[in-house]
């Protein structure tokens, strides 16, 4: 009886130890559309902040701001095209 009790505790201890060593469930990978949407939101946020910085620049003239905005829009359009192609 004592032998059975010891062996059952030993087996129970091994099973608890094996359960404790299991890996936690892996985080689900974002889908391709979720990834593209997050990249698009990040791009839009960066574009808006750069545009705000250009528009609120204290020293830049109106013509300088227009040129910088034109360059920013061109770069933004190219990056959006790359995102669309990646989808």
PDB file of N, CA and C in Angstrom:
ATOM      1  N   UNK A   1       0.826  -1.194   0.000  1.00  0.00           N
ATOM      2  CA  UNK A   1       0.000   0.000   0.000  1.00  0.00           C
ATOM      3  C   UNK A   1       0.869   1.256   0.000  1.00  0.00           C
ATOM      4  N   UNK A   2       1.915   1.215   0.863  1.00  0.00           N
ATOM      5  CA  UNK A   2       2.812   2.359   0.941  1.00  0.00           C
ATOM      6  C   UNK A   2       3.536   2.556  -0.395  1.00  0.00           C
ATOM      7  N   UNK A   3       3.908   1.463  -1.013  1.00  0.00           N
ATOM      8  CA  UNK A   3       4.581   1.505  -2.296  1.00  0.00           C
ATOM      9  C   UNK A   3       3.671   2.117  -3.364  1.00  0.00           C
ATOM     10  N   UNK A   4       2.393   1.753  -3.361  1.00  0.00           N
ATOM     11  CA  UNK A   4       1.420   2.282  -4.319  1.00  0.00           C
ATOM     12  C   UNK A   4       1.232   3.783  -4.115  1.00  0.00           C
ATOM     13  N   UNK A   5       1.165   4.202  -2.865  1.00  0.00           N
ATOM     14  CA  UNK A   5       0.996   5.620  -2.560  1.00  0.00           C
ATOM     15  C   UNK A   5       2.185   6.440  -3.061  1.00  0.00           C
ATOM     16  N   UNK A   6       3.387   5.954  -2.826  1.00  0.00           N
ATOM     17  CA  UNK A   6       4.592   6.655  -3.251  1.00  0.00           C
ATOM     18  C   UNK A   6       4.660   6.728  -4.772  1.00  0.00           C
ATOM     19  N   UNK A   7       4.357   5.616  -5.438  1.00  0.00           N
ATOM     20  CA  UNK A   7       4.428   5.612  -6.899  1.00  0.00           C
ATOM     21  C   UNK A   7       3.362   6.513  -7.512  1.00  0.00           C
ATOM     22  N   UNK A   8       2.160   6.560  -6.894  1.00  0.00           N
ATOM     23  CA  UNK A   8       1.117   7.447  -7.428  1.00  0.00           C
ATOM     24  C   UNK A   8       1.504   8.918  -7.236  1.00  0.00           C
ATOM     25  N   UNK A   9       2.105   9.258  -6.101  1.00  0.00           N
ATOM     26  CA  UNK A   9       2.585  10.631  -5.897  1.00  0.00           C
ATOM     27  C   UNK A   9       3.688  10.969  -6.887  1.00  0.00           C
ATOM     28  N   UNK A  10       4.561  10.002  -7.163  1.00  0.00           N
ATOM     29  CA  UNK A  10       5.642  10.214  -8.114  1.00  0.00           C
ATOM     30  C   UNK A  10       5.088  10.479  -9.516  1.00  0.00           C
ATOM     31  N   UNK A  11       4.121   9.696  -9.938  1.00  0.00           N
ATOM     32  CA  UNK A  11       3.508   9.864 -11.261  1.00  0.00           C
ATOM     33  C   UNK A  11       2.748  11.183 -11.327  1.00  0.00           C
ATOM     34  N   UNK A  12       2.041  11.513 -10.256  1.00  0.00           N
ATOM     35  CA  UNK A  12       1.322  12.783 -10.202  1.00  0.00           C
ATOM     36  C   UNK A  12       2.308  13.954 -10.293  1.00  0.00           C
ATOM     37  N   UNK A  13       3.425  13.856  -9.605  1.00  0.00           N
ATOM     38  CA  UNK A  13       4.435  14.911  -9.654  1.00  0.00           C
ATOM     39  C   UNK A  13       5.020  15.063 -11.047  1.00  0.00           C
ATOM     40  N   UNK A  14       5.263  13.961 -11.730  1.00  0.00           N
ATOM     41  CA  UNK A  14       5.787  14.022 -13.093  1.00  0.00           C
ATOM     42  C   UNK A  14       4.784  14.653 -14.054  1.00  0.00           C
ATOM     43  N   UNK A  15       3.511  14.318 -13.880  1.00  0.00           N
ATOM     44  CA  UNK A  15       2.510  14.880 -14.793  1.00  0.00           C
ATOM     45  C   UNK A  15       2.340  16.379 -14.556  1.00  0.00           C
ATOM     46  N   UNK A  16       2.391  16.800 -13.301  1.00  0.00           N
ATOM     47  CA  UNK A  16       2.298  18.228 -13.007  1.00  0.00           C
ATOM     48  C   UNK A  16       3.508  18.958 -13.574  1.00  0.00           C
ATOM     49  N   UNK A  17       4.675  18.360 -13.445  1.00  0.00           N
ATOM     50  CA  UNK A  17       5.894  18.955 -13.967  1.00  0.00           C
ATOM     51  C   UNK A  17       5.823  19.048 -15.489  1.00  0.00           C
ATOM     52  N   UNK A  18       5.297  18.033 -16.146  1.00  0.00           N
ATOM     53  CA  UNK A  18       5.187  18.046 -17.608  1.00  0.00           C
ATOM     54  C   UNK A  18       4.204  19.121 -18.055  1.00  0.00           C
ATOM     55  N   UNK A  19       3.113  19.291 -17.324  1.00  0.00           N
ATOM     56  CA  UNK A  19       2.141  20.332 -17.666  1.00  0.00           C
ATOM     57  C   UNK A  19       2.729  21.725 -17.464  1.00  0.00           C
ATOM     58  N   UNK A  20       3.574  21.879 -16.453  1.00  0.00           N
ATOM     59  CA  UNK A  20       4.169  23.180 -16.176  1.00  0.00           C
ATOM     60  C   UNK A  20       5.167  23.568 -17.254  1.00  0.00           C
ATOM     61  N   UNK A  21       5.741  22.593 -17.934  1.00  0.00           N
ATOM     62  CA  UNK A  21       6.753  22.885 -18.943  1.00  0.00           C
ATOM     63  C   UNK A  21       6.160  23.173 -20.311  1.00  0.00           C
ATOM     64  N   UNK A  22       4.864  23.030 -20.469  1.00  0.00           N
ATOM     65  CA  UNK A  22       4.253  23.327 -21.756  1.00  0.00           C
ATOM     66  C   UNK A  22       4.400  24.804 -22.073  1.00  0.00           C
ATOM     67  N   UNK A  23       4.566  25.095 -23.333  1.00  0.00           N
ATOM     68  CA  UNK A  23       4.688  26.482 -23.747  1.00  0.00           C
ATOM     69  C   UNK A  23       3.349  27.185 -23.655  1.00  0.00           C
ATOM     70  N   UNK A  24       3.382  28.480 -23.362  1.00  0.00           N
ATOM     71  CA  UNK A  24       2.117  29.229 -23.404  1.00  0.00           C
ATOM     72  C   UNK A  24       1.641  29.311 -24.853  1.00  0.00           C
ATOM     73  N   UNK A  25       0.363  29.469 -25.067  1.00  0.00           N
ATOM     74  CA  UNK A  25      -0.124  29.529 -26.454  1.00  0.00           C
ATOM     75  C   UNK A  25       0.495  30.705 -27.189  1.00  0.00           C
ATOM     76  N   UNK A  26       0.872  30.457 -28.428  1.00  0.00           N
ATOM     77  CA  UNK A  26       1.510  31.497 -29.235  1.00  0.00           C
ATOM     78  C   UNK A  26       0.495  32.565 -29.587  1.00  0.00           C
ATOM     79  N   UNK A  27       0.973  33.794 -29.677  1.00  0.00           N
ATOM     80  CA  UNK A  27       0.096  34.884 -30.061  1.00  0.00           C
ATOM     81  C   UNK A  27      -0.301  34.698 -31.519  1.00  0.00           C
ATOM     82  N   UNK A  28      -1.538  34.951 -31.830  1.00  0.00           N
ATOM     83  CA  UNK A  28      -1.947  34.771 -33.225  1.00  0.00           C
ATOM     84  C   UNK A  28      -1.254  35.782 -34.130  1.00  0.00           C
ATOM     85  N   UNK A  29      -0.813  35.307 -35.257  1.00  0.00           N
ATOM     86  CA  UNK A  29      -0.166  36.193 -36.220  1.00  0.00           C
ATOM     87  C   UNK A  29      -1.219  37.056 -36.889  1.00  0.00           C
ATOM     88  N   UNK A  30      -0.916  38.342 -37.093  1.00  0.00           N
ATOM     89  CA  UNK A  30      -1.905  39.186 -37.780  1.00  0.00           C
ATOM     90  C   UNK A  30      -2.065  38.725 -39.224  1.00  0.00           C
ATOM     91  N   UNK A  31      -3.274  38.837 -39.712  1.00  0.00           N
ATOM     92  CA  UNK A  31      -3.510  38.442 -41.093  1.00  0.00           C
ATOM     93  C   UNK A  31      -2.861  39.461 -42.024  1.00  0.00           C
ATOM     94  N   UNK A  32      -2.810  39.102 -43.290  1.00  0.00           N
ATOM     95  CA  UNK A  32      -2.158  39.974 -44.266  1.00  0.00           C
ATOM     96  C   UNK A  32      -2.898  41.306 -44.375  1.00  0.00           C
ATOM     97  N   UNK A  33      -4.226  41.283 -44.332  1.00  0.00           N
ATOM     98  CA  UNK A  33      -4.993  42.532 -44.430  1.00  0.00           C
ATOM     99  C   UNK A  33      -4.805  43.386 -43.182  1.00  0.00           C
ATOM    100  N   UNK A  34      -4.778  42.748 -42.008  1.00  0.00           N
ATOM    101  CA  UNK A  34      -4.546  43.509 -40.772  1.00  0.00           C
ATOM    102  C   UNK A  34      -3.178  44.177 -40.803  1.00  0.00           C
ATOM    103  N   UNK A  35      -2.188  43.451 -41.285  1.00  0.00           N
ATOM    104  CA  UNK A  35      -0.840  44.001 -41.375  1.00  0.00           C
ATOM    105  C   UNK A  35      -0.796  45.180 -42.351  1.00  0.00           C
ATOM    106  N   UNK A  36      -1.448  45.026 -43.489  1.00  0.00           N
ATOM    107  CA  UNK A  36      -1.473  46.104 -44.480  1.00  0.00           C
ATOM    108  C   UNK A  36      -2.228  47.309 -43.937  1.00  0.00           C
ATOM    109  N   UNK A  37      -3.327  47.063 -43.229  1.00  0.00           N
ATOM    110  CA  UNK A  37      -4.102  48.173 -42.658  1.00  0.00           C
ATOM    111  C   UNK A  37      -3.296  48.920 -41.599  1.00  0.00           C
ATOM    112  N   UNK A  38      -2.561  48.199 -40.779  1.00  0.00           N
ATOM    113  CA  UNK A  38      -1.759  48.876 -39.752  1.00  0.00           C
ATOM    114  C   UNK A  38      -0.635  49.691 -40.394  1.00  0.00           C
ATOM    115  N   UNK A  39      -0.021  49.139 -41.447  1.00  0.00           N
ATOM    116  CA  UNK A  39       1.019  49.895 -42.158  1.00  0.00           C
ATOM    117  C   UNK A  39       0.429  51.145 -42.803  1.00  0.00           C
ATOM    118  N   UNK A  40      -0.775  51.016 -43.345  1.00  0.00           N
ATOM    119  CA  UNK A  40      -1.433  52.157 -43.977  1.00  0.00           C
ATOM    120  C   UNK A  40      -1.752  53.243 -42.946  1.00  0.00           C
ATOM    121  N   UNK A  41      -2.259  52.833 -41.784  1.00  0.00           N
ATOM    122  CA  UNK A  41      -2.551  53.810 -40.718  1.00  0.00           C
ATOM    123  C   UNK A  41      -1.277  54.495 -40.248  1.00  0.00           C
ATOM    124  N   UNK A  42      -0.203  53.720 -40.113  1.00  0.00           N
ATOM    125  CA  UNK A  42       1.082  54.286 -39.686  1.00  0.00           C
ATOM    126  C   UNK A  42       1.599  55.290 -40.717  1.00  0.00           C
ATOM    127  N   UNK A  43       1.450  54.953 -41.995  1.00  0.00           N
ATOM    128  CA  UNK A  43       1.871  55.854 -43.069  1.00  0.00           C
ATOM    129  C   UNK A  43       1.046  57.137 -43.053  1.00  0.00           C
ATOM    130  N   UNK A  44      -0.257  57.003 -42.860  1.00  0.00           N
ATOM    131  CA  UNK A  44      -1.144  58.164 -42.824  1.00  0.00           C
ATOM    132  C   UNK A  44      -0.803  59.066 -41.631  1.00  0.00           C
ATOM    133  N   UNK A  45      -0.516  58.460 -40.505  1.00  0.00           N
ATOM    134  CA  UNK A  45      -0.165  59.236 -39.306  1.00  0.00           C
ATOM    135  C   UNK A  45       1.135  60.011 -39.523  1.00  0.00           C
ATOM    136  N   UNK A  46       2.129  59.334 -40.134  1.00  0.00           N
ATOM    137  CA  UNK A  46       3.413  59.991 -40.403  1.00  0.00           C
ATOM    138  C   UNK A  46       3.236  61.124 -41.413  1.00  0.00           C
ATOM    139  N   UNK A  47       2.415  60.894 -42.429  1.00  0.00           N
ATOM    140  CA  UNK A  47       2.141  61.930 -43.438  1.00  0.00           C
ATOM    141  C   UNK A  47       1.493  63.155 -42.790  1.00  0.00           C
ATOM    142  N   UNK A  48       0.487  62.924 -41.956  1.00  0.00           N
ATOM    143  CA  UNK A  48      -0.205  64.039 -41.301  1.00  0.00           C
ATOM    144  C   UNK A  48       0.728  64.831 -40.393  1.00  0.00           C
ATOM    145  N   UNK A  49       1.586  64.139 -39.670  1.00  0.00           N
ATOM    146  CA  UNK A  49       2.491  64.866 -38.771  1.00  0.00           C
ATOM    147  C   UNK A  49       3.509  65.688 -39.568  1.00  0.00           C
ATOM    148  N   UNK A  50       4.022  65.116 -40.663  1.00  0.00           N
ATOM    149  CA  UNK A  50       4.981  65.877 -41.478  1.00  0.00           C
ATOM    150  C   UNK A  50       4.299  67.067 -42.140  1.00  0.00           C
ATOM    151  N   UNK A  51       3.070  66.876 -42.580  1.00  0.00           N
ATOM    152  CA  UNK A  51       2.336  67.971 -43.205  1.00  0.00           C
ATOM    153  C   UNK A  51       2.098  69.097 -42.193  1.00  0.00           C
ATOM    154  N   UNK A  52       1.744  68.725 -40.981  1.00  0.00           N
ATOM    155  CA  UNK A  52       1.519  69.724 -39.936  1.00  0.00           C
ATOM    156  C   UNK A  52       2.798  70.491 -39.631  1.00  0.00           C
ATOM    157  N   UNK A  53       3.935  69.773 -39.604  1.00  0.00           N
ATOM    158  CA  UNK A  53       5.205  70.441 -39.345  1.00  0.00           C
ATOM    159  C   UNK A  53       5.538  71.420 -40.461  1.00  0.00           C
ATOM    160  N   UNK A  54       5.269  71.033 -41.702  1.00  0.00           N
ATOM    161  CA  UNK A  54       5.547  71.932 -42.826  1.00  0.00           C
ATOM    162  C   UNK A  54       4.656  73.163 -42.752  1.00  0.00           C
ATOM    163  N   UNK A  55       3.376  72.955 -42.511  1.00  0.00           N
ATOM    164  CA  UNK A  55       2.426  74.063 -42.511  1.00  0.00           C
ATOM    165  C   UNK A  55       2.660  75.026 -41.348  1.00  0.00           C
ATOM    166  N   UNK A  56       3.145  74.519 -40.228  1.00  0.00           N
ATOM    167  CA  UNK A  56       3.343  75.369 -39.044  1.00  0.00           C
ATOM    168  C   UNK A  56       4.761  75.902 -38.922  1.00  0.00           C
ATOM    169  N   UNK A  57       5.572  75.715 -39.950  1.00  0.00           N
ATOM    170  CA  UNK A  57       6.954  76.196 -39.885  1.00  0.00           C
ATOM    171  C   UNK A  57       6.959  77.726 -39.863  1.00  0.00           C
ATOM    172  N   UNK A  58       7.639  78.327 -38.880  1.00  0.00           N
ATOM    173  CA  UNK A  58       7.567  79.791 -38.733  1.00  0.00           C
ATOM    174  C   UNK A  58       8.360  80.582 -39.777  1.00  0.00           C
ATOM    175  N   UNK A  59       9.404  79.997 -40.368  1.00  0.00           N
ATOM    176  CA  UNK A  59      10.290  80.764 -41.234  1.00  0.00           C
ATOM    177  C   UNK A  59      10.005  80.531 -42.716  1.00  0.00           C
ATOM    178  N   UNK A  60       9.478  79.362 -43.063  1.00  0.00           N
ATOM    179  CA  UNK A  60       9.304  78.997 -44.470  1.00  0.00           C
ATOM    180  C   UNK A  60       8.293  79.917 -45.156  1.00  0.00           C
ATOM    181  N   UNK A  61       8.616  80.270 -46.396  1.00  0.00           N
ATOM    182  CA  UNK A  61       7.696  81.100 -47.177  1.00  0.00           C
ATOM    183  C   UNK A  61       6.609  80.216 -47.781  1.00  0.00           C
ATOM    184  N   UNK A  62       5.601  80.863 -48.349  1.00  0.00           N
ATOM    185  CA  UNK A  62       4.481  80.130 -48.930  1.00  0.00           C
ATOM    186  C   UNK A  62       4.958  79.225 -50.072  1.00  0.00           C
ATOM    187  N   UNK A  63       5.868  79.736 -50.893  1.00  0.00           N
ATOM    188  CA  UNK A  63       6.375  78.966 -52.024  1.00  0.00           C
ATOM    189  C   UNK A  63       7.174  77.750 -51.539  1.00  0.00           C
ATOM    190  N   UNK A  64       7.983  77.951 -50.501  1.00  0.00           N
ATOM    191  CA  UNK A  64       8.758  76.843 -49.937  1.00  0.00           C
ATOM    192  C   UNK A  64       7.832  75.760 -49.386  1.00  0.00           C
ATOM    193  N   UNK A  65       6.773  76.200 -48.711  1.00  0.00           N
ATOM    194  CA  UNK A  65       5.813  75.236 -48.162  1.00  0.00           C
ATOM    195  C   UNK A  65       5.134  74.456 -49.270  1.00  0.00           C
ATOM    196  N   UNK A  66       4.779  75.142 -50.373  1.00  0.00           N
ATOM    197  CA  UNK A  66       4.139  74.455 -51.490  1.00  0.00           C
ATOM    198  C   UNK A  66       5.056  73.408 -52.100  1.00  0.00           C
ATOM    199  N   UNK A  67       6.335  73.745 -52.253  1.00  0.00           N
ATOM    200  CA  UNK A  67       7.291  72.800 -52.819  1.00  0.00           C
ATOM    201  C   UNK A  67       7.478  71.590 -51.907  1.00  0.00           C
ATOM    202  N   UNK A  68       7.568  71.861 -50.610  1.00  0.00           N
ATOM    203  CA  UNK A  68       7.737  70.757 -49.661  1.00  0.00           C
ATOM    204  C   UNK A  68       6.501  69.874 -49.633  1.00  0.00           C
ATOM    205  N   UNK A  69       5.314  70.474 -49.690  1.00  0.00           N
ATOM    206  CA  UNK A  69       4.084  69.686 -49.712  1.00  0.00           C
ATOM    207  C   UNK A  69       3.977  68.864 -50.994  1.00  0.00           C
ATOM    208  N   UNK A  70       4.397  69.429 -52.105  1.00  0.00           N
ATOM    209  CA  UNK A  70       4.371  68.689 -53.366  1.00  0.00           C
ATOM    210  C   UNK A  70       5.282  67.467 -53.279  1.00  0.00           C
ATOM    211  N   UNK A  71       6.472  67.661 -52.736  1.00  0.00           N
ATOM    212  CA  UNK A  71       7.414  66.545 -52.576  1.00  0.00           C
ATOM    213  C   UNK A  71       6.866  65.505 -51.597  1.00  0.00           C
ATOM    214  N   UNK A  72       6.245  65.975 -50.525  1.00  0.00           N
ATOM    215  CA  UNK A  72       5.664  65.070 -49.538  1.00  0.00           C
ATOM    216  C   UNK A  72       4.529  64.256 -50.157  1.00  0.00           C
ATOM    217  N   UNK A  73       3.670  64.914 -50.934  1.00  0.00           N
ATOM    218  CA  UNK A  73       2.559  64.213 -51.578  1.00  0.00           C
ATOM    219  C   UNK A  73       3.067  63.166 -52.565  1.00  0.00           C
ATOM    220  N   UNK A  74       4.101  63.499 -53.307  1.00  0.00           N
ATOM    221  CA  UNK A  74       4.672  62.557 -54.263  1.00  0.00           C
ATOM    222  C   UNK A  74       5.232  61.326 -53.549  1.00  0.00           C
ATOM    223  N   UNK A  75       5.972  61.579 -52.475  1.00  0.00           N
ATOM    224  CA  UNK A  75       6.535  60.465 -51.705  1.00  0.00           C
ATOM    225  C   UNK A  75       5.423  59.611 -51.084  1.00  0.00           C
ATOM    226  N   UNK A  76       4.390  60.265 -50.570  1.00  0.00           N
ATOM    227  CA  UNK A  76       3.262  59.554 -49.960  1.00  0.00           C
ATOM    228  C   UNK A  76       2.547  58.691 -50.999  1.00  0.00           C
ATOM    229  N   UNK A  77       2.339  59.217 -52.205  1.00  0.00           N
ATOM    230  CA  UNK A  77       1.682  58.444 -53.257  1.00  0.00           C
ATOM    231  C   UNK A  77       2.505  57.223 -53.644  1.00  0.00           C
ATOM    232  N   UNK A  78       3.827  57.391 -53.725  1.00  0.00           N
ATOM    233  CA  UNK A  78       4.689  56.251 -54.065  1.00  0.00           C
ATOM    234  C   UNK A  78       4.633  55.171 -52.994  1.00  0.00           C
ATOM    235  N   UNK A  79       4.628  55.585 -51.732  1.00  0.00           N
ATOM    236  CA  UNK A  79       4.563  54.608 -50.645  1.00  0.00           C
ATOM    237  C   UNK A  79       3.211  53.907 -50.615  1.00  0.00           C
ATOM    238  N   UNK A  80       2.134  54.645 -50.918  1.00  0.00           N
ATOM    239  CA  UNK A  80       0.804  54.017 -50.987  1.00  0.00           C
ATOM    240  C   UNK A  80       0.747  52.988 -52.117  1.00  0.00           C
ATOM    241  N   UNK A  81       1.372  53.308 -53.275  1.00  0.00           N
ATOM    242  CA  UNK A  81       1.413  52.359 -54.380  1.00  0.00           C
ATOM    243  C   UNK A  81       2.138  51.079 -53.967  1.00  0.00           C
ATOM    244  N   UNK A  82       3.259  51.240 -53.258  1.00  0.00           N
ATOM    245  CA  UNK A  82       4.007  50.084 -52.809  1.00  0.00           C
ATOM    246  C   UNK A  82       3.173  49.215 -51.854  1.00  0.00           C
ATOM    247  N   UNK A  83       2.402  49.867 -50.987  1.00  0.00           N
ATOM    248  CA  UNK A  83       1.536  49.119 -50.081  1.00  0.00           C
ATOM    249  C   UNK A  83       0.460  48.361 -50.846  1.00  0.00           C
ATOM    250  N   UNK A  84      -0.117  49.003 -51.853  1.00  0.00           N
ATOM    251  CA  UNK A  84      -1.168  48.350 -52.647  1.00  0.00           C
ATOM    252  C   UNK A  84      -0.613  47.141 -53.403  1.00  0.00           C
ATOM    253  N   UNK A  85       0.600  47.295 -53.940  1.00  0.00           N
ATOM    254  CA  UNK A  85       1.216  46.192 -54.689  1.00  0.00           C
ATOM    255  C   UNK A  85       1.522  45.033 -53.740  1.00  0.00           C
ATOM    256  N   UNK A  86       1.916  45.337 -52.520  1.00  0.00           N
ATOM    257  CA  UNK A  86       2.263  44.301 -51.544  1.00  0.00           C
ATOM    258  C   UNK A  86       1.040  43.496 -51.111  1.00  0.00           C
ATOM    259  N   UNK A  87      -0.136  44.073 -51.221  1.00  0.00           N
ATOM    260  CA  UNK A  87      -1.351  43.354 -50.843  1.00  0.00           C
ATOM    261  C   UNK A  87      -1.577  42.258 -51.826  1.00  0.00           C
TER     262      UNK A  87
END
